[in-house]
């Protein structure tokens, strides 16, 4: 059964033969890029958009939004409409201000819950390699070596002491759901990873910035901006992003 999804304006394991291949350093590299999204998500209020809820492909009986308009809105936000994904997790809602571009044509967003928990969703073109966990600490988190790396169904689960993520390949894209272990337990993160899907036109209409509100939007850069002041990007972030 189809569901609708909530948007906030603020912020059994298998063998690895012929299975999706992911770069061993994928988790932290992706989580590092998502911290900037998390900061954007925590920088605004929590007013939800009307008649929206975070979930699977929508089943609205309303007329479909105009595709050309959606493409134009995506382009204005420096996004590729086909790379926009959404998900759901109990108690979490999309922080609309967190929506942004990752890299050249990727997509990133943050889902938040009232107690402050955050789940970061990222969709990127990334090089692929076996996720065999033999390359040591994840990039950008030298103090936190990977403590768990294993197949879980169609996805890979990786964790350090403080952060964890689920990742899977979808065509030439890698879709990652991540968070801190303190804020988001594995079951919740796994549920969000399983629910993640490419946004349909109704969901795009809710996720994309409205026409006229994208002027001056900039891509989310790799690394992270300090929470205060106007210093240079700081890449010294934890494994949870």
Foldseek 3Di string as FASTA:
>chain_A
DFDFAKAWQAAAFDDPVVAFFADLQVQQQVLQLLVQLLLRRVPDDGDIDPPGHFFAAHDDPDDFPDPVQLCVLQVLQQEHLQQDKTFHFPQWHWNLRSWHAEDNHKIKTWIAHPVGWIKIKIKAQDDGHHNPQPPWAHPLANVWTWPDWGGDVNWIWIDTPFKIKIWHDDPRMIIIIMGTCVRDPPVRRVRRVVRMDRYDRVVSVVRGDDPPPSPPNDGRYRAHADSDDGDDGDSNDHSRD
